[in-house]
Amino acid sequence: MTTLKNRPRTALLVVDVQTGVVRGNHERDAVVANIGGLVDRARREHIPVVWVQHSDENTKRGSDEWQIVSELNPDDAEPHVEKNYGDAFEDTNLEDVLAGLGVGRLVVVGAQTDACIRSTLHGAFARGYDATLVGDAHTTEDQTPWGAPPPDMVIAHTNLYWKFQSAPGRTAGTVDAMDVDFGPRS
């Protein structure tokens, strides 16, 4: 259903599940376990898994904080995209990677819900991708000291509003990990 031509495939996009990014996040272990289950399932179903890693002053490239969490095992053959902005498409090779794989639909998981997840979802959707958020496979840190709602409410709100996103020729939505369908869209 994507508006991108000749892009029938789906990919699992794993955003910023890095040691320093998810440390102390809301329900971190359960979210990482759900992501791990989806990675295993995607591999069994021959669905591309694309790993995204953020770099900034707190998460320097190559540092321990920058590494993907130890519970997940990215395969060196799977694409890795490095980014410096919230939207994983912004100033990266993600679009080229996805085009090369024939991907027009993304299943998105990772962190931080209220930053890189939202930015990447909107970036994908605006670029013509179908974008599904896995509601129990993204997390965020507590930013209540800066006026944000508690993490569970940020996650719930993001799941709610993404469930009802729409645009001509594209689909969006929120599903639980157990309900993810990597199959083609008609």
N, C-alpha and C. Protein backbone atom coordinates (compact mmCIF):
# COMPACT_ATOMS: atom_id res chain seq x y z
N MET A 1 0.82 -1.19 0.00
CA MET A 1 0.00 0.00 0.00
C MET A 1 0.86 1.26 0.00
N THR A 2 2.14 1.12 0.32
CA THR A 2 3.04 2.26 0.33
C THR A 2 2.95 3.05 -0.96
N THR A 3 3.26 4.32 -0.91
CA THR A 3 3.28 5.13 -2.13
C THR A 3 4.60 4.99 -2.88
N LEU A 4 5.53 4.22 -2.33
CA LEU A 4 6.82 4.00 -2.98
C LEU A 4 6.70 2.89 -4.01
N LYS A 5 7.17 3.12 -5.20
CA LYS A 5 7.05 2.15 -6.29
C LYS A 5 8.03 1.00 -6.11
N ASN A 6 7.55 -0.20 -6.43
CA ASN A 6 8.37 -1.41 -6.40
C ASN A 6 9.05 -1.64 -5.06
N ARG A 7 8.31 -1.42 -3.98
CA ARG A 7 8.84 -1.61 -2.64
C ARG A 7 7.91 -2.53 -1.85
N PRO A 8 7.79 -3.81 -2.22
CA PRO A 8 6.81 -4.69 -1.59
C PRO A 8 7.22 -5.27 -0.24
N ARG A 9 8.46 -5.11 0.15
CA ARG A 9 8.95 -5.78 1.35
C ARG A 9 8.73 -4.96 2.62
N THR A 10 8.73 -5.68 3.73
CA THR A 10 8.66 -5.11 5.07
C THR A 10 10.02 -5.29 5.73
N ALA A 11 10.41 -4.33 6.57
CA ALA A 11 11.62 -4.45 7.38
C ALA A 11 11.29 -4.14 8.83
N LEU A 12 12.02 -4.77 9.73
CA LEU A 12 11.97 -4.43 11.15
C LEU A 12 13.05 -3.39 11.39
N LEU A 13 12.65 -2.20 11.83
CA LEU A 13 13.57 -1.11 12.09
C LEU A 13 13.77 -1.00 13.61
N VAL A 14 14.98 -1.32 14.06
CA VAL A 14 15.32 -1.31 15.48
C VAL A 14 16.08 -0.02 15.77
N VAL A 15 15.43 0.91 16.45
CA VAL A 15 15.95 2.26 16.64
C VAL A 15 16.56 2.44 18.03
N ASP A 16 17.85 2.70 18.07
CA ASP A 16 18.56 3.18 19.27
C ASP A 16 18.39 2.31 20.51
N VAL A 17 18.40 1.00 20.35
CA VAL A 17 18.34 0.12 21.52
C VAL A 17 19.79 -0.09 21.99
N GLN A 18 20.35 1.01 22.47
CA GLN A 18 21.75 1.09 22.86
C GLN A 18 21.87 1.15 24.38
N THR A 19 22.96 0.65 24.89
CA THR A 19 23.18 0.56 26.33
C THR A 19 22.91 1.88 27.03
N GLY A 20 23.48 2.96 26.56
CA GLY A 20 23.32 4.25 27.21
C GLY A 20 21.98 4.91 26.95
N VAL A 21 21.30 4.49 25.92
CA VAL A 21 20.01 5.09 25.59
C VAL A 21 18.89 4.49 26.43
N VAL A 22 18.89 3.17 26.61
CA VAL A 22 17.78 2.52 27.30
C VAL A 22 18.04 2.25 28.78
N ARG A 23 19.24 2.54 29.26
CA ARG A 23 19.54 2.31 30.68
C ARG A 23 18.54 3.04 31.56
N GLY A 24 17.85 2.29 32.41
CA GLY A 24 16.89 2.89 33.33
C GLY A 24 15.56 3.26 32.72
N ASN A 25 15.33 2.93 31.46
CA ASN A 25 14.06 3.28 30.81
C ASN A 25 12.90 2.46 31.35
N HIS A 26 11.70 2.98 31.12
CA HIS A 26 10.45 2.34 31.55
C HIS A 26 10.36 0.93 30.98
N GLU A 27 10.18 -0.06 31.86
CA GLU A 27 10.02 -1.46 31.48
C GLU A 27 11.08 -1.91 30.47
N ARG A 28 12.30 -1.46 30.69
CA ARG A 28 13.41 -1.74 29.78
C ARG A 28 13.54 -3.23 29.42
N ASP A 29 13.58 -4.10 30.43
CA ASP A 29 13.82 -5.52 30.16
C ASP A 29 12.71 -6.16 29.35
N ALA A 30 11.46 -5.84 29.66
CA ALA A 30 10.33 -6.39 28.91
C ALA A 30 10.34 -5.90 27.46
N VAL A 31 10.64 -4.62 27.29
CA VAL A 31 10.69 -4.05 25.92
C VAL A 31 11.82 -4.70 25.12
N VAL A 32 13.00 -4.82 25.72
CA VAL A 32 14.13 -5.45 25.02
C VAL A 32 13.80 -6.91 24.68
N ALA A 33 13.14 -7.62 25.59
CA ALA A 33 12.74 -9.00 25.31
C ALA A 33 11.76 -9.06 24.14
N ASN A 34 10.80 -8.14 24.09
CA ASN A 34 9.86 -8.10 22.96
C ASN A 34 10.59 -7.81 21.66
N ILE A 35 11.54 -6.89 21.70
CA ILE A 35 12.32 -6.58 20.50
C ILE A 35 13.12 -7.81 20.07
N GLY A 36 13.76 -8.47 21.03
CA GLY A 36 14.53 -9.67 20.71
C GLY A 36 13.67 -10.74 20.06
N GLY A 37 12.46 -10.93 20.56
CA GLY A 37 11.54 -11.89 19.96
C GLY A 37 11.18 -11.52 18.52
N LEU A 38 10.97 -10.23 18.29
CA LEU A 38 10.65 -9.78 16.93
C LEU A 38 11.85 -9.93 15.99
N VAL A 39 13.05 -9.66 16.48
CA VAL A 39 14.26 -9.85 15.67
C VAL A 39 14.38 -11.32 15.27
N ASP A 40 14.22 -12.22 16.23
CA ASP A 40 14.30 -13.66 15.94
C ASP A 40 13.25 -14.07 14.92
N ARG A 41 12.03 -13.58 15.10
CA ARG A 41 10.95 -13.92 14.17
C ARG A 41 11.20 -13.36 12.78
N ALA A 42 11.66 -12.12 12.72
CA ALA A 42 11.96 -11.52 11.41
C ALA A 42 13.02 -12.34 10.68
N ARG A 43 14.04 -12.73 11.39
CA ARG A 43 15.09 -13.53 10.76
C ARG A 43 14.53 -14.86 10.25
N ARG A 44 13.71 -15.53 11.04
CA ARG A 44 13.11 -16.80 10.61
C ARG A 44 12.26 -16.61 9.36
N GLU A 45 11.59 -15.46 9.27
CA GLU A 45 10.69 -15.20 8.14
C GLU A 45 11.41 -14.48 6.99
N HIS A 46 12.72 -14.34 7.09
CA HIS A 46 13.53 -13.69 6.06
C HIS A 46 13.11 -12.24 5.81
N ILE A 47 12.79 -11.56 6.90
CA ILE A 47 12.44 -10.14 6.87
C ILE A 47 13.71 -9.36 7.24
N PRO A 48 14.07 -8.36 6.48
CA PRO A 48 15.27 -7.58 6.83
C PRO A 48 15.13 -6.92 8.20
N VAL A 49 16.22 -6.97 8.97
CA VAL A 49 16.32 -6.26 10.24
C VAL A 49 17.35 -5.16 10.03
N VAL A 50 16.94 -3.93 10.27
CA VAL A 50 17.82 -2.77 10.09
C VAL A 50 18.04 -2.14 11.46
N TRP A 51 19.30 -2.00 11.84
CA TRP A 51 19.70 -1.46 13.14
C TRP A 51 20.09 0.00 13.01
N VAL A 52 19.57 0.83 13.89
CA VAL A 52 19.89 2.26 13.91
C VAL A 52 20.58 2.58 15.23
N GLN A 53 21.68 3.34 15.16
CA GLN A 53 22.40 3.74 16.36
C GLN A 53 22.63 5.24 16.33
N HIS A 54 22.28 5.87 17.45
CA HIS A 54 22.40 7.32 17.61
C HIS A 54 23.74 7.68 18.23
N SER A 55 24.31 8.77 17.76
CA SER A 55 25.53 9.33 18.36
C SER A 55 25.28 10.78 18.74
N ASP A 56 25.75 11.16 19.93
CA ASP A 56 25.74 12.55 20.36
C ASP A 56 26.77 12.70 21.47
N GLU A 57 26.75 13.83 22.17
CA GLU A 57 27.77 14.09 23.20
C GLU A 57 27.69 13.10 24.36
N ASN A 58 26.52 12.51 24.61
CA ASN A 58 26.37 11.53 25.69
C ASN A 58 26.51 10.09 25.22
N THR A 59 26.41 9.89 23.94
CA THR A 59 26.47 8.55 23.36
C THR A 59 27.45 8.61 22.19
N LYS A 60 28.73 8.63 22.54
CA LYS A 60 29.76 8.78 21.52
C LYS A 60 29.97 7.47 20.75
N ARG A 61 30.08 7.62 19.43
CA ARG A 61 30.28 6.47 18.55
C ARG A 61 31.43 5.62 19.08
N GLY A 62 31.18 4.31 19.18
CA GLY A 62 32.19 3.36 19.62
C GLY A 62 32.27 3.16 21.13
N SER A 63 31.64 4.04 21.91
CA SER A 63 31.69 3.92 23.37
C SER A 63 30.80 2.76 23.84
N ASP A 64 30.95 2.38 25.11
CA ASP A 64 30.08 1.34 25.67
C ASP A 64 28.62 1.77 25.60
N GLU A 65 28.33 3.05 25.86
CA GLU A 65 26.96 3.55 25.82
C GLU A 65 26.36 3.47 24.43
N TRP A 66 27.17 3.52 23.39
CA TRP A 66 26.74 3.52 22.00
C TRP A 66 26.37 2.11 21.51
N GLN A 67 26.89 1.09 22.15
CA GLN A 67 26.69 -0.30 21.71
C GLN A 67 25.23 -0.73 21.85
N ILE A 68 24.80 -1.59 20.94
CA ILE A 68 23.48 -2.22 21.06
C ILE A 68 23.50 -3.04 22.36
N VAL A 69 22.37 -3.07 23.08
CA VAL A 69 22.32 -3.80 24.35
C VAL A 69 22.74 -5.25 24.17
N SER A 70 23.32 -5.82 25.22
CA SER A 70 23.90 -7.15 25.13
C SER A 70 22.86 -8.25 24.86
N GLU A 71 21.61 -8.02 25.20
CA GLU A 71 20.58 -9.03 24.97
C GLU A 71 20.26 -9.22 23.49
N LEU A 72 20.56 -8.25 22.68
CA LEU A 72 20.29 -8.33 21.25
C LEU A 72 21.60 -8.61 20.52
N ASN A 73 21.52 -9.32 19.45
CA ASN A 73 22.72 -9.72 18.71
C ASN A 73 22.62 -9.33 17.25
N PRO A 74 22.92 -8.08 16.93
CA PRO A 74 22.88 -7.72 15.52
C PRO A 74 23.85 -8.59 14.72
N ASP A 75 23.41 -9.00 13.57
CA ASP A 75 24.24 -9.77 12.66
C ASP A 75 25.02 -8.77 11.81
N ASP A 76 26.30 -9.02 11.64
CA ASP A 76 27.12 -8.10 10.84
C ASP A 76 26.61 -7.97 9.40
N ALA A 77 25.87 -8.96 8.92
CA ALA A 77 25.32 -8.90 7.57
C ALA A 77 24.08 -8.03 7.49
N GLU A 78 23.48 -7.71 8.64
CA GLU A 78 22.30 -6.85 8.65
C GLU A 78 22.72 -5.39 8.57
N PRO A 79 21.93 -4.58 7.86
CA PRO A 79 22.30 -3.17 7.72
C PRO A 79 22.32 -2.44 9.06
N HIS A 80 23.32 -1.58 9.20
CA HIS A 80 23.46 -0.69 10.36
C HIS A 80 23.48 0.74 9.85
N VAL A 81 22.69 1.59 10.48
CA VAL A 81 22.61 3.00 10.08
C VAL A 81 22.98 3.83 11.30
N GLU A 82 23.93 4.73 11.13
CA GLU A 82 24.31 5.64 12.20
C GLU A 82 23.65 6.98 11.97
N LYS A 83 23.16 7.58 13.07
CA LYS A 83 22.46 8.85 12.95
C LYS A 83 22.88 9.81 14.04
N ASN A 84 22.62 11.10 13.78
CA ASN A 84 22.90 12.16 14.74
C ASN A 84 21.67 13.00 15.06
N TYR A 85 20.55 12.69 14.42
CA TYR A 85 19.30 13.43 14.61
C TYR A 85 18.21 12.46 15.02
N GLY A 86 17.10 12.99 15.52
CA GLY A 86 16.01 12.14 15.96
C GLY A 86 15.45 11.26 14.86
N ASP A 87 15.18 11.82 13.70
CA ASP A 87 14.64 11.09 12.56
C ASP A 87 15.76 10.27 11.93
N ALA A 88 15.61 8.95 11.93
CA ALA A 88 16.65 8.06 11.40
C ALA A 88 16.90 8.25 9.90
N PHE A 89 16.02 8.97 9.22
CA PHE A 89 16.22 9.25 7.80
C PHE A 89 17.08 10.50 7.58
N GLU A 90 17.14 11.38 8.57
CA GLU A 90 17.76 12.70 8.42
C GLU A 90 19.29 12.59 8.35
N ASP A 91 19.84 12.92 7.18
CA ASP A 91 21.29 12.94 6.97
C ASP A 91 21.93 11.58 7.22
N THR A 92 21.22 10.49 6.80
CA THR A 92 21.76 9.13 6.89
C THR A 92 21.55 8.42 5.56
N ASN A 93 22.01 7.19 5.50
CA ASN A 93 21.81 6.37 4.30
C ASN A 93 20.61 5.43 4.44
N LEU A 94 19.72 5.67 5.40
CA LEU A 94 18.60 4.76 5.64
C LEU A 94 17.73 4.60 4.40
N GLU A 95 17.40 5.67 3.72
CA GLU A 95 16.56 5.57 2.52
C GLU A 95 17.25 4.69 1.48
N ASP A 96 18.54 4.85 1.27
CA ASP A 96 19.26 4.02 0.30
C ASP A 96 19.24 2.55 0.71
N VAL A 97 19.43 2.29 1.99
CA VAL A 97 19.40 0.91 2.50
C VAL A 97 18.04 0.29 2.22
N LEU A 98 16.97 0.99 2.58
CA LEU A 98 15.62 0.45 2.40
C LEU A 98 15.26 0.29 0.93
N ALA A 99 15.66 1.25 0.10
CA ALA A 99 15.41 1.13 -1.34
C ALA A 99 16.11 -0.09 -1.90
N GLY A 100 17.35 -0.31 -1.49
CA GLY A 100 18.11 -1.47 -1.95
C GLY A 100 17.48 -2.80 -1.55
N LEU A 101 16.76 -2.80 -0.44
CA LEU A 101 16.09 -4.01 0.03
C LEU A 101 14.67 -4.14 -0.52
N GLY A 102 14.19 -3.12 -1.23
CA GLY A 102 12.83 -3.13 -1.75
C GLY A 102 11.78 -2.95 -0.67
N VAL A 103 12.12 -2.22 0.39
CA VAL A 103 11.24 -2.05 1.54
C VAL A 103 10.38 -0.80 1.38
N GLY A 104 9.07 -0.99 1.57
CA GLY A 104 8.11 0.12 1.57
C GLY A 104 7.30 0.17 2.84
N ARG A 105 7.50 -0.83 3.72
CA ARG A 105 6.76 -0.88 4.97
C ARG A 105 7.72 -1.14 6.12
N LEU A 106 7.59 -0.34 7.17
CA LEU A 106 8.46 -0.47 8.34
C LEU A 106 7.66 -0.88 9.56
N VAL A 107 8.22 -1.79 10.33
CA VAL A 107 7.74 -2.14 11.66
C VAL A 107 8.79 -1.56 12.60
N VAL A 108 8.38 -0.59 13.43
CA VAL A 108 9.32 0.23 14.20
C VAL A 108 9.28 -0.14 15.68
N VAL A 109 10.49 -0.33 16.25
CA VAL A 109 10.67 -0.62 17.67
C VAL A 109 11.86 0.18 18.17
N GLY A 110 11.96 0.36 19.51
CA GLY A 110 13.17 0.97 20.05
C GLY A 110 12.95 2.07 21.06
N ALA A 111 13.83 3.07 21.01
CA ALA A 111 13.84 4.16 22.00
C ALA A 111 14.32 5.45 21.32
N GLN A 112 14.09 6.50 21.93
CA GLN A 112 13.18 6.94 22.95
C GLN A 112 11.85 7.28 22.31
N THR A 113 10.78 6.83 22.96
CA THR A 113 9.44 7.01 22.42
C THR A 113 9.17 8.44 21.99
N ASP A 114 9.46 9.39 22.88
CA ASP A 114 9.08 10.79 22.66
C ASP A 114 10.12 11.58 21.88
N ALA A 115 11.09 10.90 21.32
CA ALA A 115 12.11 11.59 20.54
C ALA A 115 12.33 10.82 19.23
N CYS A 116 13.27 9.91 19.23
CA CYS A 116 13.67 9.24 17.99
C CYS A 116 12.59 8.33 17.41
N ILE A 117 11.79 7.70 18.25
CA ILE A 117 10.71 6.86 17.71
C ILE A 117 9.68 7.73 16.99
N ARG A 118 9.19 8.77 17.66
CA ARG A 118 8.20 9.65 17.01
C ARG A 118 8.77 10.30 15.75
N SER A 119 9.99 10.80 15.84
CA SER A 119 10.60 11.47 14.68
C SER A 119 10.75 10.51 13.51
N THR A 120 11.20 9.31 13.78
CA THR A 120 11.40 8.33 12.71
C THR A 120 10.08 7.88 12.11
N LEU A 121 9.08 7.64 12.95
CA LEU A 121 7.76 7.28 12.42
C LEU A 121 7.23 8.35 11.48
N HIS A 122 7.27 9.59 11.93
CA HIS A 122 6.78 10.69 11.09
C HIS A 122 7.64 10.86 9.84
N GLY A 123 8.96 10.71 9.99
CA GLY A 123 9.85 10.81 8.84
C GLY A 123 9.55 9.74 7.80
N ALA A 124 9.30 8.53 8.25
CA ALA A 124 8.97 7.44 7.34
C ALA A 124 7.65 7.70 6.63
N PHE A 125 6.65 8.07 7.41
CA PHE A 125 5.32 8.28 6.87
C PHE A 125 5.31 9.42 5.84
N ALA A 126 6.00 10.51 6.16
CA ALA A 126 6.06 11.65 5.25
C ALA A 126 6.81 11.31 3.96
N ARG A 127 7.70 10.33 4.03
CA ARG A 127 8.47 9.92 2.85
C ARG A 127 7.76 8.85 2.03
N GLY A 128 6.56 8.42 2.44
CA GLY A 128 5.79 7.48 1.65
C GLY A 128 5.75 6.06 2.18
N TYR A 129 6.38 5.79 3.29
CA TYR A 129 6.39 4.45 3.86
C TYR A 129 5.11 4.17 4.64
N ASP A 130 4.69 2.91 4.64
CA ASP A 130 3.73 2.43 5.63
C ASP A 130 4.56 2.27 6.91
N ALA A 131 4.01 2.63 8.05
CA ALA A 131 4.79 2.61 9.29
C ALA A 131 3.94 2.09 10.44
N THR A 132 4.33 0.94 10.96
CA THR A 132 3.64 0.32 12.08
C THR A 132 4.51 0.42 13.32
N LEU A 133 3.95 0.92 14.39
CA LEU A 133 4.63 1.01 15.69
C LEU A 133 4.24 -0.22 16.51
N VAL A 134 5.23 -0.87 17.11
CA VAL A 134 4.96 -2.00 17.99
C VAL A 134 4.81 -1.43 19.40
N GLY A 135 3.57 -1.43 19.89
CA GLY A 135 3.21 -0.71 21.10
C GLY A 135 3.88 -1.17 22.37
N ASP A 136 4.30 -2.43 22.42
CA ASP A 136 4.97 -2.94 23.62
C ASP A 136 6.45 -3.21 23.35
N ALA A 137 7.00 -2.53 22.34
CA ALA A 137 8.41 -2.71 21.99
C ALA A 137 9.10 -1.37 21.75
N HIS A 138 8.65 -0.34 22.49
CA HIS A 138 9.36 0.94 22.52
C HIS A 138 9.27 1.48 23.93
N THR A 139 10.24 2.30 24.29
CA THR A 139 10.34 2.79 25.66
C THR A 139 10.98 4.17 25.69
N THR A 140 10.91 4.78 26.87
CA THR A 140 11.52 6.09 27.04
C THR A 140 11.94 6.27 28.49
N GLU A 141 12.73 7.30 28.71
CA GLU A 141 13.19 7.62 30.06
C GLU A 141 12.20 8.56 30.74
N ASP A 142 12.37 8.73 32.02
CA ASP A 142 11.52 9.62 32.80
C ASP A 142 11.98 11.06 32.61
N GLN A 143 11.13 11.86 32.01
CA GLN A 143 11.45 13.27 31.81
C GLN A 143 10.47 14.18 32.56
N THR A 144 9.86 13.64 33.62
CA THR A 144 8.93 14.44 34.41
C THR A 144 9.59 15.66 35.05
N PRO A 145 10.89 15.62 35.41
CA PRO A 145 11.49 16.83 35.98
C PRO A 145 11.46 18.03 35.01
N TRP A 146 11.31 17.76 33.71
CA TRP A 146 11.27 18.83 32.72
C TRP A 146 9.85 19.11 32.24
N GLY A 147 8.85 18.56 32.95
CA GLY A 147 7.46 18.85 32.63
C GLY A 147 6.76 17.83 31.76
N ALA A 148 7.43 16.77 31.38
CA ALA A 148 6.80 15.74 30.56
C ALA A 148 5.92 14.84 31.42
N PRO A 149 4.95 14.18 30.81
CA PRO A 149 4.18 13.18 31.55
C PRO A 149 5.09 12.00 31.94
N PRO A 150 4.64 11.16 32.85
CA PRO A 150 5.43 9.96 33.20
C PRO A 150 5.61 9.07 31.96
N PRO A 151 6.69 8.26 31.93
CA PRO A 151 6.98 7.45 30.75
C PRO A 151 5.82 6.56 30.29
N ASP A 152 5.11 5.94 31.22
CA ASP A 152 4.01 5.06 30.80
C ASP A 152 2.93 5.84 30.05
N MET A 153 2.72 7.09 30.43
CA MET A 153 1.73 7.92 29.75
C MET A 153 2.23 8.38 28.39
N VAL A 154 3.51 8.69 28.28
CA VAL A 154 4.11 9.06 26.99
C VAL A 154 3.95 7.90 26.00
N ILE A 155 4.26 6.70 26.48
CA ILE A 155 4.15 5.51 25.63
C ILE A 155 2.70 5.26 25.24
N ALA A 156 1.79 5.34 26.20
CA ALA A 156 0.37 5.12 25.91
C ALA A 156 -0.17 6.14 24.92
N HIS A 157 0.21 7.40 25.09
CA HIS A 157 -0.26 8.43 24.17
C HIS A 157 0.28 8.21 22.77
N THR A 158 1.55 7.87 22.66
CA THR A 158 2.14 7.62 21.34
C THR A 158 1.45 6.44 20.68
N ASN A 159 1.21 5.38 21.43
CA ASN A 159 0.50 4.22 20.87
C ASN A 159 -0.89 4.61 20.38
N LEU A 160 -1.57 5.44 21.16
CA LEU A 160 -2.92 5.86 20.80
C LEU A 160 -2.92 6.70 19.53
N TYR A 161 -2.11 7.76 19.49
CA TYR A 161 -2.22 8.63 18.33
C TYR A 161 -1.66 7.98 17.07
N TRP A 162 -0.66 7.10 17.19
CA TRP A 162 -0.15 6.46 15.97
C TRP A 162 -1.15 5.45 15.42
N LYS A 163 -1.96 4.89 16.28
CA LYS A 163 -2.98 3.93 15.85
C LYS A 163 -3.93 4.56 14.85
N PHE A 164 -4.13 5.89 14.95
CA PHE A 164 -5.11 6.57 14.10
C PHE A 164 -4.49 7.45 13.02
N GLN A 165 -3.20 7.32 12.76
CA GLN A 165 -2.57 8.08 11.68
C GLN A 165 -3.11 7.61 10.34
N SER A 166 -3.23 8.53 9.41
CA SER A 166 -3.65 8.16 8.06
C SER A 166 -3.13 9.19 7.08
N ALA A 167 -3.00 8.74 5.85
CA ALA A 167 -2.59 9.62 4.75
C ALA A 167 -2.91 8.87 3.46
N PRO A 168 -3.08 9.60 2.37
CA PRO A 168 -3.41 8.94 1.10
C PRO A 168 -2.35 7.91 0.70
N GLY A 169 -2.80 6.71 0.44
CA GLY A 169 -1.92 5.68 -0.08
C GLY A 169 -0.96 5.07 0.90
N ARG A 170 -1.09 5.38 2.18
CA ARG A 170 -0.19 4.84 3.20
C ARG A 170 -0.98 4.33 4.38
N THR A 171 -0.39 3.38 5.10
CA THR A 171 -1.01 2.88 6.30
C THR A 171 -0.10 3.12 7.49
N ALA A 172 -0.70 3.26 8.63
CA ALA A 172 0.02 3.38 9.89
C ALA A 172 -0.72 2.51 10.88
N GLY A 173 -0.29 2.53 12.11
CA GLY A 173 -1.00 1.78 13.12
C GLY A 173 -0.07 1.33 14.22
N THR A 174 -0.70 0.87 15.30
CA THR A 174 0.01 0.36 16.45
C THR A 174 -0.49 -1.05 16.73
N VAL A 175 0.43 -1.98 16.91
CA VAL A 175 0.08 -3.36 17.26
C VAL A 175 1.00 -3.84 18.37
N ASP A 176 0.58 -4.85 19.10
CA ASP A 176 1.45 -5.49 20.08
C ASP A 176 2.39 -6.45 19.36
N ALA A 177 3.50 -6.77 20.01
CA ALA A 177 4.51 -7.64 19.40
C ALA A 177 3.91 -8.96 18.93
N MET A 178 3.04 -9.55 19.73
CA MET A 178 2.46 -10.85 19.36
C MET A 178 1.55 -10.75 18.13
N ASP A 179 1.12 -9.55 17.76
CA ASP A 179 0.22 -9.37 16.62
C ASP A 179 0.92 -8.81 15.38
N VAL A 180 2.24 -8.67 15.41
CA VAL A 180 2.97 -8.15 14.25
C VAL A 180 2.83 -9.12 13.09
N ASP A 181 2.48 -8.58 11.94
CA ASP A 181 2.38 -9.34 10.69
C ASP A 181 3.43 -8.76 9.74
N PHE A 182 4.45 -9.55 9.46
CA PHE A 182 5.49 -9.09 8.54
C PHE A 182 5.12 -9.30 7.09
N GLY A 183 3.96 -9.91 6.83
CA GLY A 183 3.56 -10.24 5.47
C GLY A 183 3.29 -9.02 4.61
N PRO A 184 3.20 -9.23 3.30
CA PRO A 184 2.94 -8.12 2.38
C PRO A 184 1.55 -7.53 2.59
N ARG A 185 1.43 -6.28 2.26
CA ARG A 185 0.15 -5.58 2.34
C ARG A 185 -0.48 -5.59 0.96
N SER A 186 -1.79 -5.69 0.92
CA SER A 186 -2.47 -5.67 -0.38
C SER A 186 -2.92 -4.28 -0.72
